[in-house]
């Protein structure tokens, strides 16, 4: 999970926790708003601190390192498969065009 997503998730969670707390405490309207804002702010600060520690003490380069050799071989295989299919389609289209030029009746569905 990206740190930005974690911060947003915890902030929204803090808002709903604050709302539930304020409703359970049976506060007035203005006190309800203050409680929601205060608890949301506390959750936001906790999320910032947690994501800051995560980014500071985690080696992100190792987590995002890709095996480029593996992906290059896989892409080469996929490209060769696409080229084979393209040649097959071109040959099929050429065959169909020669049949159309010769006006050969081809039985369809076993009607011989």
Protein backbone atom coordinates (compact mmCIF):
# COMPACT_ATOMS: atom_id res chain seq x y z
CA UNK A 1 0.00 0.00 0.00
CA UNK A 2 1.36 3.40 -0.92
CA UNK A 3 1.92 5.81 1.98
CA UNK A 4 -0.52 8.33 0.49
CA UNK A 5 -3.27 5.72 0.39
CA UNK A 6 -2.51 4.71 3.98
CA UNK A 7 -2.72 8.33 5.15
CA UNK A 8 -6.05 8.84 3.38
CA UNK A 9 -7.46 5.58 4.72
CA UNK A 10 -6.50 6.33 8.31
CA UNK A 11 -7.78 9.91 8.07
CA UNK A 12 -11.19 8.78 6.84
CA UNK A 13 -11.24 6.06 9.49
CA UNK A 14 -10.47 8.71 12.11
CA UNK A 15 -13.37 10.82 10.89
CA UNK A 16 -15.81 7.95 11.30
CA UNK A 17 -14.37 7.00 14.69
CA UNK A 18 -14.77 10.63 15.77
CA UNK A 19 -18.31 10.71 14.47
CA UNK A 20 -19.23 7.53 16.32
CA UNK A 21 -17.57 8.79 19.50
CA UNK A 22 -19.39 12.11 19.26
CA UNK A 23 -22.73 10.41 18.69
CA UNK A 24 -22.21 7.99 21.58
CA UNK A 25 -21.18 10.84 23.88
CA UNK A 26 -24.46 12.62 22.97
CA UNK A 27 -22.76 15.94 22.30
CA UNK A 28 -24.34 19.10 20.97
CA UNK A 29 -23.88 20.09 17.33
CA UNK A 30 -20.86 22.35 17.78
CA UNK A 31 -19.19 19.94 20.20
CA UNK A 32 -19.84 17.11 17.73
CA UNK A 33 -17.97 19.04 15.02
CA UNK A 34 -15.07 19.81 17.37
CA UNK A 35 -14.81 16.18 18.47
CA UNK A 36 -14.85 14.92 14.87
CA UNK A 37 -12.19 17.41 13.82
CA UNK A 38 -9.99 16.68 16.83
CA UNK A 39 -10.14 12.90 16.48
CA UNK A 40 -9.65 13.09 12.71
CA UNK A 41 -6.59 15.29 13.27
CA UNK A 42 -5.16 12.79 15.79
CA UNK A 43 -5.63 9.93 13.32
CA UNK A 44 -4.06 12.07 10.56
CA UNK A 45 -0.98 12.75 12.70
CA UNK A 46 -0.68 9.05 13.58
CA UNK A 47 -0.89 8.17 9.88
CA UNK A 48 1.78 10.75 8.98
CA UNK A 49 4.11 9.45 11.67
CA UNK A 50 3.57 5.81 10.73
CA UNK A 51 4.11 6.42 7.02
CA UNK A 52 7.15 8.58 7.77
CA UNK A 53 8.74 5.81 9.83
CA UNK A 54 7.87 3.28 7.16
CA UNK A 55 9.50 5.30 4.38
CA UNK A 56 12.50 6.16 6.57
CA UNK A 57 13.30 2.63 7.72
CA UNK A 58 12.30 0.59 4.65
CA UNK A 59 14.64 0.03 1.73
CA UNK A 60 12.33 0.90 -1.13
CA UNK A 61 14.93 0.30 -3.84
CA UNK A 62 14.97 -3.43 -3.08
CA UNK A 63 11.18 -3.58 -3.08
CA UNK A 64 10.86 -1.96 -6.50
CA UNK A 65 13.75 -3.73 -8.22
CA UNK A 66 12.56 -5.56 -11.31
CA UNK A 67 14.21 -8.53 -12.96
CA UNK A 68 14.60 -6.89 -16.35
CA UNK A 69 16.23 -9.96 -17.92
CA UNK A 70 13.20 -12.10 -17.14
CA UNK A 71 10.78 -9.52 -18.52
CA UNK A 72 12.85 -9.00 -21.67
CA UNK A 73 12.83 -12.74 -22.44
CA UNK A 74 9.08 -12.92 -21.79
CA UNK A 75 8.46 -9.95 -24.07
CA UNK A 76 10.63 -11.50 -26.79
CA UNK A 77 8.63 -14.74 -26.56
CA UNK A 78 5.35 -12.83 -26.74
CA UNK A 79 6.57 -10.84 -29.75
CA UNK A 80 7.59 -14.01 -31.60
CA UNK A 81 4.19 -15.58 -30.87
CA UNK A 82 2.44 -12.48 -32.20
CA UNK A 83 4.59 -12.55 -35.34
CA UNK A 84 3.71 -16.23 -35.92
CA UNK A 85 0.01 -15.51 -35.53
CA UNK A 86 0.28 -12.52 -37.84
CA UNK A 87 1.92 -14.66 -40.54
CA UNK A 88 -0.81 -17.30 -40.12
CA UNK A 89 -3.51 -14.64 -40.51
CA UNK A 90 -1.79 -13.16 -43.59
CA UNK A 91 -1.53 -16.62 -45.17
CA UNK A 92 -5.20 -17.29 -44.43
CA UNK A 93 -6.24 -13.96 -45.95
CA UNK A 94 -4.13 -14.70 -49.04
CA UNK A 95 -5.74 -18.13 -49.39
CA UNK A 96 -9.22 -16.63 -49.08
CA UNK A 97 -8.43 -14.01 -51.71
CA UNK A 98 -7.18 -16.66 -54.17
CA UNK A 99 -10.39 -18.64 -53.61
CA UNK A 100 -12.45 -15.50 -54.26
CA UNK A 101 -10.54 -14.80 -57.48
CA UNK A 102 -11.04 -18.35 -58.73
CA UNK A 103 -14.72 -18.39 -57.68
CA UNK A 104 -14.35 -21.79 -56.07
CA UNK A 105 -17.39 -22.97 -54.15
CA UNK A 106 -16.32 -24.12 -50.73
CA UNK A 107 -18.78 -26.40 -48.88
CA UNK A 108 -19.76 -24.99 -45.52
CA UNK A 109 -20.85 -27.09 -42.59
CA UNK A 110 -20.44 -30.50 -44.22
CA UNK A 111 -22.59 -29.82 -47.32
CA UNK A 112 -20.51 -31.68 -49.92
